[in-house]
């Protein structure tokens, strides 16, 4: 099998290219169960899914069956495999967790694996709000003297 792989490499069957698109999967979680999902394909600009593009897609897909969902977890994935590292099978899978919405980079890799570039968005109906009061603690009130 490795001989065939090396032969395909020599025939330039595997080409390294810039990533042109990524798939965004929206998973709708309700009461701890995945109710449904949607898949959307978005174009990348110079291998980057910008914060604005992602936010636009998220805002379009956050309502499902009349119910509004909140962003719960966010991950990105791409296969980082270059033409010159193929014979050694030095495959680096980049599965990243994102604490907040930020630009997501998809560096050049083999064109053959481009369809694996993905963003996984878990949306939940459960409210997990962090308000200013919850972060700072209770506010102490002082009594005004009426005199």
C-alpha atoms as a PDB file:
ATOM      1  CA  UNK A   1       0.000   0.000   0.000  1.00  0.00           C
ATOM      2  CA  UNK A   2       2.832   2.416   0.832  1.00  0.00           C
ATOM      3  CA  UNK A   3       4.352   1.737  -2.602  1.00  0.00           C
ATOM      4  CA  UNK A   4       1.085   2.751  -4.251  1.00  0.00           C
ATOM      5  CA  UNK A   5       0.917   5.875  -2.092  1.00  0.00           C
ATOM      6  CA  UNK A   6       4.450   6.884  -3.078  1.00  0.00           C
ATOM      7  CA  UNK A   7       3.592   6.262  -6.732  1.00  0.00           C
ATOM      8  CA  UNK A   8       0.521   8.511  -6.472  1.00  0.00           C
ATOM      9  CA  UNK A   9       2.694  11.200  -4.863  1.00  0.00           C
ATOM     10  CA  UNK A  10       5.182  10.987  -7.734  1.00  0.00           C
ATOM     11  CA  UNK A  11       2.334  11.314 -10.229  1.00  0.00           C
ATOM     12  CA  UNK A  12       1.258  14.548  -8.483  1.00  0.00           C
ATOM     13  CA  UNK A  13      -2.108  13.086  -7.590  1.00  0.00           C
ATOM     14  CA  UNK A  14      -1.938  14.800  -4.193  1.00  0.00           C
ATOM     15  CA  UNK A  15      -1.663  18.575  -4.419  1.00  0.00           C
ATOM     16  CA  UNK A  16      -1.291  20.994  -1.543  1.00  0.00           C
ATOM     17  CA  UNK A  17      -3.716  23.872  -1.942  1.00  0.00           C
ATOM     18  CA  UNK A  18      -5.293  26.715  -0.009  1.00  0.00           C
ATOM     19  CA  UNK A  19      -8.531  25.789   1.693  1.00  0.00           C
ATOM     20  CA  UNK A  20     -11.463  27.431  -0.073  1.00  0.00           C
ATOM     21  CA  UNK A  21     -14.411  26.337   2.063  1.00  0.00           C
ATOM     22  CA  UNK A  22     -15.405  24.847   5.418  1.00  0.00           C
ATOM     23  CA  UNK A  23     -18.500  23.071   6.680  1.00  0.00           C
ATOM     24  CA  UNK A  24     -20.330  24.435   9.702  1.00  0.00           C
ATOM     25  CA  UNK A  25     -22.405  21.902  11.617  1.00  0.00           C
ATOM     26  CA  UNK A  26     -25.050  23.275  13.986  1.00  0.00           C
ATOM     27  CA  UNK A  27     -26.142  20.750  16.622  1.00  0.00           C
ATOM     28  CA  UNK A  28     -29.351  21.627  18.496  1.00  0.00           C
ATOM     29  CA  UNK A  29     -29.236  20.327  22.084  1.00  0.00           C
ATOM     30  CA  UNK A  30     -32.449  20.271  24.116  1.00  0.00           C
ATOM     31  CA  UNK A  31     -32.583  18.677  27.603  1.00  0.00           C
ATOM     32  CA  UNK A  32     -29.201  17.005  27.054  1.00  0.00           C
ATOM     33  CA  UNK A  33     -30.281  15.373  23.764  1.00  0.00           C
ATOM     34  CA  UNK A  34     -29.278  16.304  20.239  1.00  0.00           C
ATOM     35  CA  UNK A  35     -32.627  17.085  18.618  1.00  0.00           C
ATOM     36  CA  UNK A  36     -31.334  17.785  15.115  1.00  0.00           C
ATOM     37  CA  UNK A  37     -28.473  19.295  13.149  1.00  0.00           C
ATOM     38  CA  UNK A  38     -27.849  21.466  10.091  1.00  0.00           C
ATOM     39  CA  UNK A  39     -24.868  21.589   7.767  1.00  0.00           C
ATOM     40  CA  UNK A  40     -23.833  24.780   5.972  1.00  0.00           C
ATOM     41  CA  UNK A  41     -20.887  25.270   3.635  1.00  0.00           C
ATOM     42  CA  UNK A  42     -19.119  28.646   3.781  1.00  0.00           C
ATOM     43  CA  UNK A  43     -16.343  30.141   1.694  1.00  0.00           C
ATOM     44  CA  UNK A  44     -13.038  30.966   3.338  1.00  0.00           C
ATOM     45  CA  UNK A  45     -11.045  34.100   2.614  1.00  0.00           C
ATOM     46  CA  UNK A  46      -7.348  33.207   2.475  1.00  0.00           C
ATOM     47  CA  UNK A  47      -7.996  30.102   4.571  1.00  0.00           C
ATOM     48  CA  UNK A  48      -9.720  31.986   7.401  1.00  0.00           C
ATOM     49  CA  UNK A  49     -13.302  31.911   8.632  1.00  0.00           C
ATOM     50  CA  UNK A  50     -13.677  35.410  10.020  1.00  0.00           C
ATOM     51  CA  UNK A  51     -15.512  36.242  13.210  1.00  0.00           C
ATOM     52  CA  UNK A  52     -18.053  38.278  11.220  1.00  0.00           C
ATOM     53  CA  UNK A  53     -18.793  35.463   8.732  1.00  0.00           C
ATOM     54  CA  UNK A  54     -19.217  32.932  11.517  1.00  0.00           C
ATOM     55  CA  UNK A  55     -21.418  35.262  13.567  1.00  0.00           C
ATOM     56  CA  UNK A  56     -23.614  35.900  10.517  1.00  0.00           C
ATOM     57  CA  UNK A  57     -24.163  32.163  10.002  1.00  0.00           C
ATOM     58  CA  UNK A  58     -24.768  31.597  13.707  1.00  0.00           C
ATOM     59  CA  UNK A  59     -27.394  34.353  13.821  1.00  0.00           C
ATOM     60  CA  UNK A  60     -29.161  32.815  10.785  1.00  0.00           C
ATOM     61  CA  UNK A  61     -29.294  29.351  12.364  1.00  0.00           C
ATOM     62  CA  UNK A  62     -29.793  29.984  16.093  1.00  0.00           C
ATOM     63  CA  UNK A  63     -33.579  29.664  15.880  1.00  0.00           C
ATOM     64  CA  UNK A  64     -34.826  26.126  15.297  1.00  0.00           C
ATOM     65  CA  UNK A  65     -38.500  25.057  15.323  1.00  0.00           C
ATOM     66  CA  UNK A  66     -39.472  28.425  16.751  1.00  0.00           C
ATOM     67  CA  UNK A  67     -37.096  28.180  19.701  1.00  0.00           C
ATOM     68  CA  UNK A  68     -33.978  30.317  20.203  1.00  0.00           C
ATOM     69  CA  UNK A  69     -30.761  28.478  21.036  1.00  0.00           C
ATOM     70  CA  UNK A  70     -27.648  29.841  22.760  1.00  0.00           C
ATOM     71  CA  UNK A  71     -24.046  29.093  21.804  1.00  0.00           C
ATOM     72  CA  UNK A  72     -22.900  26.309  24.133  1.00  0.00           C
ATOM     73  CA  UNK A  73     -19.638  24.925  22.680  1.00  0.00           C
ATOM     74  CA  UNK A  74     -17.515  25.674  19.616  1.00  0.00           C
ATOM     75  CA  UNK A  75     -14.881  23.496  17.899  1.00  0.00           C
ATOM     76  CA  UNK A  76     -12.963  23.588  14.625  1.00  0.00           C
ATOM     77  CA  UNK A  77     -11.276  20.702  12.776  1.00  0.00           C
ATOM     78  CA  UNK A  78      -8.942  20.323   9.825  1.00  0.00           C
ATOM     79  CA  UNK A  79      -6.509  17.708   8.515  1.00  0.00           C
ATOM     80  CA  UNK A  80      -3.094  19.306   8.352  1.00  0.00           C
ATOM     81  CA  UNK A  81      -1.329  17.121   5.808  1.00  0.00           C
ATOM     82  CA  UNK A  82       1.070  18.526   3.248  1.00  0.00           C
ATOM     83  CA  UNK A  83       2.237  17.001  -0.025  1.00  0.00           C
ATOM     84  CA  UNK A  84       5.858  16.664   1.120  1.00  0.00           C
ATOM     85  CA  UNK A  85       4.954  14.860   4.387  1.00  0.00           C
ATOM     86  CA  UNK A  86       2.599  12.348   2.774  1.00  0.00           C
ATOM     87  CA  UNK A  87       5.094   9.464   2.259  1.00  0.00           C
ATOM     88  CA  UNK A  88       5.894   9.521   5.994  1.00  0.00           C
ATOM     89  CA  UNK A  89       2.153   9.721   6.781  1.00  0.00           C
ATOM     90  CA  UNK A  90       2.792  12.585   9.172  1.00  0.00           C
ATOM     91  CA  UNK A  91      -0.881  13.461   9.608  1.00  0.00           C
ATOM     92  CA  UNK A  92      -1.693  16.167  12.121  1.00  0.00           C
ATOM     93  CA  UNK A  93      -5.351  16.456  12.969  1.00  0.00           C
ATOM     94  CA  UNK A  94      -6.163  19.829  14.415  1.00  0.00           C
ATOM     95  CA  UNK A  95      -9.255  19.630  16.592  1.00  0.00           C
ATOM     96  CA  UNK A  96      -9.494  22.887  18.525  1.00  0.00           C
ATOM     97  CA  UNK A  97     -11.862  24.048  21.213  1.00  0.00           C
ATOM     98  CA  UNK A  98     -12.729  27.743  21.171  1.00  0.00           C
ATOM     99  CA  UNK A  99     -13.653  29.545  24.405  1.00  0.00           C
ATOM    100  CA  UNK A 100     -15.164  32.426  22.452  1.00  0.00           C
ATOM    101  CA  UNK A 101     -15.894  33.365  18.847  1.00  0.00           C
ATOM    102  CA  UNK A 102     -12.674  34.218  17.050  1.00  0.00           C
ATOM    103  CA  UNK A 103     -11.267  33.945  13.518  1.00  0.00           C
ATOM    104  CA  UNK A 104     -10.591  30.286  12.674  1.00  0.00           C
ATOM    105  CA  UNK A 105      -7.637  29.429  10.450  1.00  0.00           C
ATOM    106  CA  UNK A 106      -7.538  26.509   8.044  1.00  0.00           C
ATOM    107  CA  UNK A 107      -3.935  26.375   6.737  1.00  0.00           C
ATOM    108  CA  UNK A 108      -3.104  24.904   3.312  1.00  0.00           C
ATOM    109  CA  UNK A 109      -3.322  21.127   3.134  1.00  0.00           C
ATOM    110  CA  UNK A 110      -3.973  18.391   0.595  1.00  0.00           C
ATOM    111  CA  UNK A 111      -6.775  19.348  -1.743  1.00  0.00           C
ATOM    112  CA  UNK A 112      -8.155  15.812  -1.481  1.00  0.00           C
ATOM    113  CA  UNK A 113      -8.997  16.327   2.230  1.00  0.00           C
ATOM    114  CA  UNK A 114     -10.445  19.833   1.951  1.00  0.00           C
ATOM    115  CA  UNK A 115     -14.010  18.629   2.567  1.00  0.00           C
ATOM    116  CA  UNK A 116     -12.990  17.655   6.133  1.00  0.00           C
ATOM    117  CA  UNK A 117     -12.526  21.303   7.211  1.00  0.00           C
ATOM    118  CA  UNK A 118     -15.304  21.768   9.729  1.00  0.00           C
ATOM    119  CA  UNK A 119     -16.656  23.921  12.506  1.00  0.00           C
ATOM    120  CA  UNK A 120     -18.869  22.220  15.085  1.00  0.00           C
ATOM    121  CA  UNK A 121     -21.341  24.483  16.867  1.00  0.00           C
ATOM    122  CA  UNK A 122     -23.305  23.097  19.788  1.00  0.00           C
ATOM    123  CA  UNK A 123     -26.393  25.171  20.555  1.00  0.00           C
ATOM    124  CA  UNK A 124     -28.453  24.656  23.700  1.00  0.00           C
ATOM    125  CA  UNK A 125     -31.808  25.891  24.974  1.00  0.00           C
ATOM    126  CA  UNK A 126     -30.531  26.025  28.543  1.00  0.00           C
ATOM    127  CA  UNK A 127     -29.697  29.522  29.728  1.00  0.00           C
ATOM    128  CA  UNK A 128     -26.106  29.940  30.868  1.00  0.00           C
ATOM    129  CA  UNK A 129     -25.958  33.684  31.303  1.00  0.00           C
ATOM    130  CA  UNK A 130     -23.093  35.367  33.072  1.00  0.00           C
ATOM    131  CA  UNK A 131     -24.457  38.704  34.097  1.00  0.00           C
ATOM    132  CA  UNK A 132     -22.476  41.531  35.574  1.00  0.00           C
ATOM    133  CA  UNK A 133     -24.157  40.973  38.945  1.00  0.00           C
ATOM    134  CA  UNK A 134     -23.272  37.272  38.969  1.00  0.00           C
ATOM    135  CA  UNK A 135     -19.649  38.021  38.104  1.00  0.00           C
ATOM    136  CA  UNK A 136     -19.189  40.850  40.617  1.00  0.00           C
ATOM    137  CA  UNK A 137     -21.332  39.524  43.460  1.00  0.00           C
ATOM    138  CA  UNK A 138     -24.136  41.295  45.292  1.00  0.00           C
ATOM    139  CA  UNK A 139     -24.224  45.073  45.254  1.00  0.00           C
ATOM    140  CA  UNK A 140     -24.250  46.690  48.686  1.00  0.00           C
ATOM    141  CA  UNK A 141     -26.823  49.419  48.989  1.00  0.00           C
ATOM    142  CA  UNK A 142     -26.506  52.302  51.364  1.00  0.00           C
ATOM    143  CA  UNK A 143     -29.415  54.039  53.000  1.00  0.00           C
ATOM    144  CA  UNK A 144     -29.883  57.708  52.254  1.00  0.00           C
ATOM    145  CA  UNK A 145     -30.428  59.854  55.251  1.00  0.00           C
ATOM    146  CA  UNK A 146     -33.466  62.041  55.002  1.00  0.00           C
ATOM    147  CA  UNK A 147     -32.901  65.125  56.945  1.00  0.00           C
END
